[in-house]
Amino acid sequence: MGTLTRRHFVITASALPLAACSNGIGSNGGQRVDNRVDSAVQFMYDEVPGTQELAFNAAGMLVMPLVTQAGFGFGGSYGRGALRINGASVDYYSAISGSFGFQIGAQQYAHTLFFMTEDALSEFRRGVGWSVGADVQYAVVNQGGNLGVDTTALLTPVIAVIYGQAGLIAGATLEGTRYARIIP
């Protein structure tokens, strides 16, 4: 139990400084988040071929338009976004993660989780907090410039696409990211 408490403390403590970044905390609510989500979705469709097909086949998608990650020994990330079903925002979520180890730098990126089954979407919405685990498949752009998702991957419950990376930390992963419903 003590380890779990320390882990939650590390995640919370490392992410709190990031909450002061331009992620819309104390903003004018859902409209600002929706505007960012609209821009992120359009960028994703333009820059990541195959994502429109994923969106068409998905039961819903969680779009996190701006996640800020920073680390110096301890690290963390924070962002806010919207869950879209049939193109409309139905709920707003925060994404938070923490880490410890050799790391230094900062980056920003966007990501979208495509819920490919009604069960996966329902489980996500019912949960008090949902964490990315091994059941999430990452889709990446291959050498031909197409999204590396085949028809069998469309049967995967959740597909993650990370895009728009900028900064000094190489790579981005969602492993251990926790999502929670918020009121913007």
Protein backbone atom coordinates (compact mmCIF):
# COMPACT_ATOMS: atom_id res chain seq x y z
CA MET A 1 0.00 0.00 0.00
CA GLY A 2 2.90 2.37 0.76
CA THR A 3 4.32 1.92 -2.74
CA LEU A 4 1.00 2.76 -4.32
CA THR A 5 0.79 5.92 -2.22
CA ARG A 6 4.31 6.99 -3.17
CA ARG A 7 3.57 6.28 -6.84
CA HIS A 8 0.46 8.44 -6.76
CA PHE A 9 2.41 11.15 -4.96
CA VAL A 10 5.16 11.09 -7.61
CA ILE A 11 2.63 11.25 -10.45
CA THR A 12 0.69 14.08 -8.85
CA ALA A 13 3.74 16.06 -7.76
CA SER A 14 5.43 15.78 -11.12
CA ALA A 15 2.32 16.77 -13.06
CA LEU A 16 1.28 19.75 -10.93
CA PRO A 17 3.92 22.11 -12.37
CA LEU A 18 2.68 21.15 -15.82
CA ALA A 19 -0.84 22.20 -14.90
CA ALA A 20 0.36 25.79 -15.09
CA CYS A 21 1.23 25.32 -18.77
CA SER A 22 -1.13 26.53 -21.47
CA ASN A 23 -3.49 23.58 -21.21
CA GLY A 24 -6.53 25.69 -20.49
CA ILE A 25 -6.77 25.33 -16.73
CA GLY A 26 -9.17 28.04 -15.57
CA SER A 27 -10.10 28.73 -19.18
CA ASN A 28 -13.48 29.65 -20.56
CA GLY A 29 -14.62 26.05 -20.49
CA GLY A 30 -15.54 23.52 -23.08
CA GLN A 31 -15.51 25.93 -26.02
CA ARG A 32 -11.74 26.40 -25.76
CA VAL A 33 -11.14 22.67 -25.48
CA ASP A 34 -13.49 22.01 -28.43
CA ASN A 35 -11.64 24.56 -30.59
CA ARG A 36 -8.32 22.84 -29.83
CA VAL A 37 -9.84 19.43 -30.51
CA ASP A 38 -11.23 20.62 -33.87
CA SER A 39 -7.78 21.88 -34.88
CA ALA A 40 -6.05 18.71 -33.70
CA VAL A 41 -8.48 16.44 -35.56
CA GLN A 42 -8.01 18.41 -38.79
CA PHE A 43 -4.21 18.30 -38.36
CA MET A 44 -4.37 14.55 -37.72
CA TYR A 45 -6.51 13.94 -40.82
CA ASP A 46 -4.13 16.06 -42.93
CA GLU A 47 -0.85 14.64 -41.58
CA VAL A 48 -1.62 11.03 -40.66
CA PRO A 49 -3.15 9.13 -43.60
CA GLY A 50 -5.72 6.53 -42.57
CA THR A 51 -7.04 8.33 -39.49
CA GLN A 52 -10.28 9.37 -41.21
CA GLU A 53 -11.02 5.69 -41.83
CA LEU A 54 -10.25 4.91 -38.19
CA ALA A 55 -12.59 7.71 -37.07
CA PHE A 56 -15.33 6.45 -39.39
CA ASN A 57 -15.08 2.91 -37.97
CA ALA A 58 -14.66 3.93 -34.31
CA ALA A 59 -17.46 3.96 -31.75
CA GLY A 60 -15.85 7.10 -30.32
CA MET A 61 -12.53 8.87 -30.06
CA LEU A 62 -10.78 10.70 -27.27
CA VAL A 63 -8.77 13.60 -28.69
CA MET A 64 -6.05 15.14 -26.53
CA PRO A 65 -4.94 18.15 -28.62
CA LEU A 66 -2.07 19.32 -26.42
CA VAL A 67 -0.15 17.22 -23.92
CA THR A 68 2.85 18.82 -22.28
CA GLN A 69 5.56 16.50 -20.97
CA ALA A 70 8.60 17.60 -18.99
CA GLY A 71 11.19 15.83 -16.95
CA PHE A 72 14.38 16.26 -15.00
CA GLY A 73 14.79 13.00 -13.10
CA PHE A 74 11.12 13.10 -12.15
CA GLY A 75 8.82 13.71 -15.06
CA GLY A 76 5.20 14.07 -15.88
CA SER A 77 2.71 15.03 -18.49
CA TYR A 78 -0.67 16.73 -18.52
CA GLY A 79 -3.29 17.58 -21.10
CA ARG A 80 -7.01 18.06 -21.60
CA GLY A 81 -9.29 16.93 -24.38
CA ALA A 82 -12.72 15.76 -25.41
CA LEU A 83 -14.45 12.46 -26.04
CA ARG A 84 -16.22 12.64 -29.40
CA ILE A 85 -19.03 10.35 -30.48
CA ASN A 86 -20.43 10.87 -33.98
CA GLY A 87 -18.38 14.07 -34.25
CA ALA A 88 -19.83 15.72 -31.12
CA SER A 89 -18.08 16.30 -27.79
CA VAL A 90 -19.91 14.35 -25.09
CA ASP A 91 -17.41 14.55 -22.19
CA TYR A 92 -14.12 16.24 -21.30
CA TYR A 93 -11.08 14.47 -19.90
CA SER A 94 -7.66 15.14 -18.47
CA ALA A 95 -4.63 12.94 -19.13
CA ILE A 96 -1.89 12.73 -16.51
CA SER A 97 1.21 10.59 -16.15
CA GLY A 98 4.37 10.54 -14.11
CA SER A 99 7.75 8.90 -14.40
CA PHE A 100 11.08 8.58 -12.69
CA GLY A 101 14.45 7.82 -14.21
CA PHE A 102 17.03 9.25 -16.56
CA GLN A 103 15.18 11.99 -18.40
CA ILE A 104 15.65 15.63 -19.13
CA GLY A 105 13.76 17.92 -21.44
CA ALA A 106 10.27 18.85 -22.51
CA GLN A 107 7.95 18.19 -25.41
CA GLN A 108 4.39 18.68 -26.54
CA TYR A 109 2.32 16.32 -28.62
CA ALA A 110 -1.25 15.37 -29.42
CA HIS A 111 -2.85 11.97 -29.37
CA THR A 112 -6.15 10.33 -30.16
CA LEU A 113 -7.54 7.12 -28.73
CA PHE A 114 -9.93 5.39 -31.13
CA PHE A 115 -12.43 3.15 -29.32
CA MET A 116 -13.13 0.54 -31.98
CA THR A 117 -15.84 -1.36 -30.08
CA GLU A 118 -18.90 -0.23 -28.15
CA ASP A 119 -17.69 -2.34 -25.19
CA ALA A 120 -14.32 -0.53 -25.06
CA LEU A 121 -16.05 2.86 -25.24
CA SER A 122 -18.57 1.88 -22.59
CA GLU A 123 -15.84 0.59 -20.24
CA PHE A 124 -13.90 3.83 -20.69
CA ARG A 125 -16.95 6.00 -19.95
CA ARG A 126 -18.07 3.95 -16.93
CA GLY A 127 -14.71 4.03 -15.20
CA VAL A 128 -13.81 6.61 -12.57
CA GLY A 129 -10.33 6.75 -14.06
CA TRP A 130 -8.95 4.75 -16.98
CA SER A 131 -5.31 3.88 -17.56
CA VAL A 132 -3.60 2.92 -20.79
CA GLY A 133 -2.49 -0.67 -20.63
CA ALA A 134 -1.38 -3.52 -22.86
CA ASP A 135 -4.76 -3.67 -24.62
CA VAL A 136 -4.02 -0.45 -26.52
CA GLN A 137 -2.44 -0.87 -29.96
CA TYR A 138 -0.27 1.96 -31.26
CA ALA A 139 -0.67 2.90 -34.91
CA VAL A 140 2.36 4.49 -36.57
CA VAL A 141 3.01 5.93 -40.00
CA ASN A 142 5.08 3.50 -42.07
CA GLN A 143 7.66 4.20 -44.80
CA GLY A 144 4.95 4.59 -47.45
CA GLY A 145 3.34 7.37 -45.44
CA ASN A 146 0.28 5.27 -44.56
CA LEU A 147 -1.00 4.44 -41.13
CA GLY A 148 0.20 1.01 -39.98
CA VAL A 149 -3.26 -0.37 -39.24
CA ASP A 150 -4.55 -3.45 -41.00
CA THR A 151 -8.04 -4.91 -40.99
CA THR A 152 -7.24 -7.18 -38.03
CA ALA A 153 -6.13 -4.13 -36.05
CA LEU A 154 -9.59 -2.65 -36.56
CA LEU A 155 -10.80 -5.43 -34.25
CA THR A 156 -8.49 -4.15 -31.49
CA PRO A 157 -10.58 -2.48 -28.76
CA VAL A 158 -8.46 0.71 -28.57
CA ILE A 159 -6.01 2.16 -31.09
CA ALA A 160 -3.73 5.08 -30.15
CA VAL A 161 -2.26 7.56 -32.63
CA ILE A 162 0.39 10.04 -31.45
CA TYR A 163 1.12 13.02 -33.71
CA GLY A 164 2.37 16.61 -33.77
CA GLN A 165 5.42 15.98 -31.57
CA ALA A 166 7.67 18.95 -30.87
CA GLY A 167 10.36 19.28 -28.24
CA LEU A 168 13.55 17.83 -26.83
CA ILE A 169 12.42 14.44 -25.51
CA ALA A 170 12.66 11.68 -28.09
CA GLY A 171 9.46 9.69 -28.56
CA ALA A 172 6.20 9.65 -26.68
CA THR A 173 4.31 6.82 -25.08
CA LEU A 174 0.94 6.69 -23.40
CA GLU A 175 1.84 3.74 -21.17
CA GLY A 176 0.67 4.52 -17.66
CA THR A 177 -1.34 7.60 -18.68
CA ARG A 178 -4.46 7.98 -16.58
CA TYR A 179 -7.59 9.63 -17.97
CA ALA A 180 -10.27 11.18 -15.78
CA ARG A 181 -13.49 13.00 -16.61
CA ILE A 182 -13.38 16.73 -15.86
CA ILE A 183 -15.61 19.77 -16.06
CA PRO A 184 -13.71 22.32 -18.19
